[in-house]
Amino acid sequence: MTGVSASPATSTHRLRRVVSADGTEIVLERVTDGDRDLLLVPGGPSRRARWAAVAAGLANRWSCWLVDRRGKGDSGCAVAAAIRDGLGDRS
């Protein structure tokens, strides 16, 4: 990821937009507060909201970040969404 911009925080929720090496914008949202960060990544065609209930169960212990993978939800897709590109987004 090459850049991070944070939207204004409202309570626990914070939206971040990061830009991958190929210019694709990836959207992450913090939905809980806790001592340690935990990134929840939905599989298949799912959007980040799909994991909201799981994150709620981990509240107070973990700061849960939900991500929209490239080409899904609010994230962009500057090039064809390929598995190899998606793997690079999480490194």
C-alpha atoms as a PDB file:
ATOM      1  CA  MET A   1       0.000   0.000   0.000  1.00  0.00           C
ATOM      2  CA  THR A   2       1.355   3.372  -0.904  1.00  0.00           C
ATOM      3  CA  GLY A   3      -0.962   5.871   0.721  1.00  0.00           C
ATOM      4  CA  VAL A   4      -3.467   6.177   3.530  1.00  0.00           C
ATOM      5  CA  SER A   5      -6.152   8.771   3.996  1.00  0.00           C
ATOM      6  CA  ALA A   6      -8.570   8.646   6.876  1.00  0.00           C
ATOM      7  CA  SER A   7     -12.073   9.993   6.808  1.00  0.00           C
ATOM      8  CA  PRO A   8     -13.264  11.835   9.920  1.00  0.00           C
ATOM      9  CA  ALA A   9     -13.857   9.387  12.752  1.00  0.00           C
ATOM     10  CA  THR A  10     -17.314   9.006  14.219  1.00  0.00           C
ATOM     11  CA  SER A  11     -17.257   7.090  17.519  1.00  0.00           C
ATOM     12  CA  THR A  12     -15.691   3.698  16.869  1.00  0.00           C
ATOM     13  CA  HIS A  13     -16.200   3.678  13.104  1.00  0.00           C
ATOM     14  CA  ARG A  14     -13.349   4.930  11.004  1.00  0.00           C
ATOM     15  CA  LEU A  15     -13.059   4.570   7.273  1.00  0.00           C
ATOM     16  CA  ARG A  16      -9.665   4.401   5.587  1.00  0.00           C
ATOM     17  CA  ARG A  17      -8.814   4.347   1.943  1.00  0.00           C
ATOM     18  CA  VAL A  18      -5.420   2.962   0.977  1.00  0.00           C
ATOM     19  CA  VAL A  19      -3.886   2.832  -2.481  1.00  0.00           C
ATOM     20  CA  SER A  20      -2.135  -0.312  -3.701  1.00  0.00           C
ATOM     21  CA  ALA A  21       1.004  -0.260  -5.856  1.00  0.00           C
ATOM     22  CA  ASP A  22      -1.084  -0.388  -9.059  1.00  0.00           C
ATOM     23  CA  GLY A  23      -3.269   2.543  -7.973  1.00  0.00           C
ATOM     24  CA  THR A  24      -6.316   0.556  -6.843  1.00  0.00           C
ATOM     25  CA  GLU A  25      -8.133   2.100  -3.872  1.00  0.00           C
ATOM     26  CA  ILE A  26      -8.895  -0.395  -1.083  1.00  0.00           C
ATOM     27  CA  VAL A  27     -11.441   0.539   1.606  1.00  0.00           C
ATOM     28  CA  LEU A  28     -11.122  -0.541   5.255  1.00  0.00           C
ATOM     29  CA  GLU A  29     -13.419   0.295   8.161  1.00  0.00           C
ATOM     30  CA  ARG A  30     -12.702  -0.010  11.877  1.00  0.00           C
ATOM     31  CA  VAL A  31     -15.919  -1.082  13.570  1.00  0.00           C
ATOM     32  CA  THR A  32     -14.792  -1.984  17.116  1.00  0.00           C
ATOM     33  CA  ASP A  33     -12.212  -0.753  19.619  1.00  0.00           C
ATOM     34  CA  GLY A  34      -9.860  -3.056  21.441  1.00  0.00           C
ATOM     35  CA  ASP A  35      -6.272  -3.563  22.511  1.00  0.00           C
ATOM     36  CA  ARG A  36      -5.109  -5.225  19.282  1.00  0.00           C
ATOM     37  CA  ASP A  37      -5.931  -4.841  15.597  1.00  0.00           C
ATOM     38  CA  LEU A  38      -7.613  -7.651  13.679  1.00  0.00           C
ATOM     39  CA  LEU A  39      -8.293  -7.540   9.925  1.00  0.00           C
ATOM     40  CA  LEU A  40     -11.372  -9.483   8.795  1.00  0.00           C
ATOM     41  CA  VAL A  41     -11.361 -10.261   5.063  1.00  0.00           C
ATOM     42  CA  PRO A  42     -14.544 -11.585   3.456  1.00  0.00           C
ATOM     43  CA  GLY A  43     -14.255 -14.306   0.854  1.00  0.00           C
ATOM     44  CA  GLY A  44     -15.883 -14.633  -2.550  1.00  0.00           C
ATOM     45  CA  PRO A  45     -18.183 -11.820  -3.629  1.00  0.00           C
ATOM     46  CA  SER A  46     -18.935 -10.671  -0.060  1.00  0.00           C
ATOM     47  CA  ARG A  47     -18.596  -7.074   1.084  1.00  0.00           C
ATOM     48  CA  ARG A  48     -17.064  -5.980   4.386  1.00  0.00           C
ATOM     49  CA  ALA A  49     -20.465  -5.597   6.087  1.00  0.00           C
ATOM     50  CA  ARG A  50     -20.874  -9.381   5.925  1.00  0.00           C
ATOM     51  CA  TRP A  51     -18.445  -9.673   8.877  1.00  0.00           C
ATOM     52  CA  ALA A  52     -20.052  -7.004  11.088  1.00  0.00           C
ATOM     53  CA  ALA A  53     -21.702  -9.544  13.406  1.00  0.00           C
ATOM     54  CA  VAL A  54     -18.411 -11.408  13.892  1.00  0.00           C
ATOM     55  CA  ALA A  55     -16.670  -8.115  14.677  1.00  0.00           C
ATOM     56  CA  ALA A  56     -19.374  -7.215  17.206  1.00  0.00           C
ATOM     57  CA  GLY A  57     -18.667 -10.477  19.041  1.00  0.00           C
ATOM     58  CA  LEU A  58     -14.992  -9.526  19.286  1.00  0.00           C
ATOM     59  CA  ALA A  59     -15.636  -5.973  20.529  1.00  0.00           C
ATOM     60  CA  ASN A  60     -13.641  -4.648  23.497  1.00  0.00           C
ATOM     61  CA  ARG A  61     -10.902  -7.218  22.936  1.00  0.00           C
ATOM     62  CA  TRP A  62     -10.021  -6.436  19.310  1.00  0.00           C
ATOM     63  CA  SER A  63     -10.070  -3.374  17.074  1.00  0.00           C
ATOM     64  CA  CYS A  64     -11.748  -5.061  14.126  1.00  0.00           C
ATOM     65  CA  TRP A  65     -11.075  -3.742  10.653  1.00  0.00           C
ATOM     66  CA  LEU A  66     -13.347  -4.897   7.838  1.00  0.00           C
ATOM     67  CA  VAL A  67     -12.051  -4.671   4.266  1.00  0.00           C
ATOM     68  CA  ASP A  68     -13.701  -4.551   0.867  1.00  0.00           C
ATOM     69  CA  ARG A  69     -11.365  -6.526  -1.400  1.00  0.00           C
ATOM     70  CA  ARG A  70     -10.490  -5.048  -4.790  1.00  0.00           C
ATOM     71  CA  GLY A  71     -13.484  -4.986  -7.080  1.00  0.00           C
ATOM     72  CA  LYS A  72     -15.893  -5.549  -4.171  1.00  0.00           C
ATOM     73  CA  GLY A  73     -18.043  -3.057  -2.249  1.00  0.00           C
ATOM     74  CA  ASP A  74     -16.466   0.391  -2.023  1.00  0.00           C
ATOM     75  CA  SER A  75     -12.985  -0.695  -3.195  1.00  0.00           C
ATOM     76  CA  GLY A  76     -11.900   0.030  -6.725  1.00  0.00           C
ATOM     77  CA  CYS A  77     -10.515  -2.190  -9.414  1.00  0.00           C
ATOM     78  CA  ALA A  78      -7.897  -0.342 -11.517  1.00  0.00           C
ATOM     79  CA  VAL A  79      -7.037  -3.581 -13.331  1.00  0.00           C
ATOM     80  CA  ALA A  80      -8.795  -6.930 -13.620  1.00  0.00           C
ATOM     81  CA  ALA A  81      -9.369  -8.369 -10.148  1.00  0.00           C
ATOM     82  CA  ALA A  82      -6.856 -11.208 -10.081  1.00  0.00           C
ATOM     83  CA  ILE A  83      -5.995 -13.461  -7.166  1.00  0.00           C
ATOM     84  CA  ARG A  84      -2.324 -12.450  -7.348  1.00  0.00           C
ATOM     85  CA  ASP A  85      -3.273  -8.752  -7.046  1.00  0.00           C
ATOM     86  CA  GLY A  86      -5.619  -9.431  -4.140  1.00  0.00           C
ATOM     87  CA  LEU A  87      -2.865 -11.258  -2.270  1.00  0.00           C
ATOM     88  CA  GLY A  88      -0.551  -8.269  -2.689  1.00  0.00           C
ATOM     89  CA  ASP A  89      -3.156  -5.989  -1.099  1.00  0.00           C
ATOM     90  CA  ARG A  90      -2.813  -7.810   2.229  1.00  0.00           C
ATOM     91  CA  SER A  91       0.948  -7.842   2.404  1.00  0.00           C
END
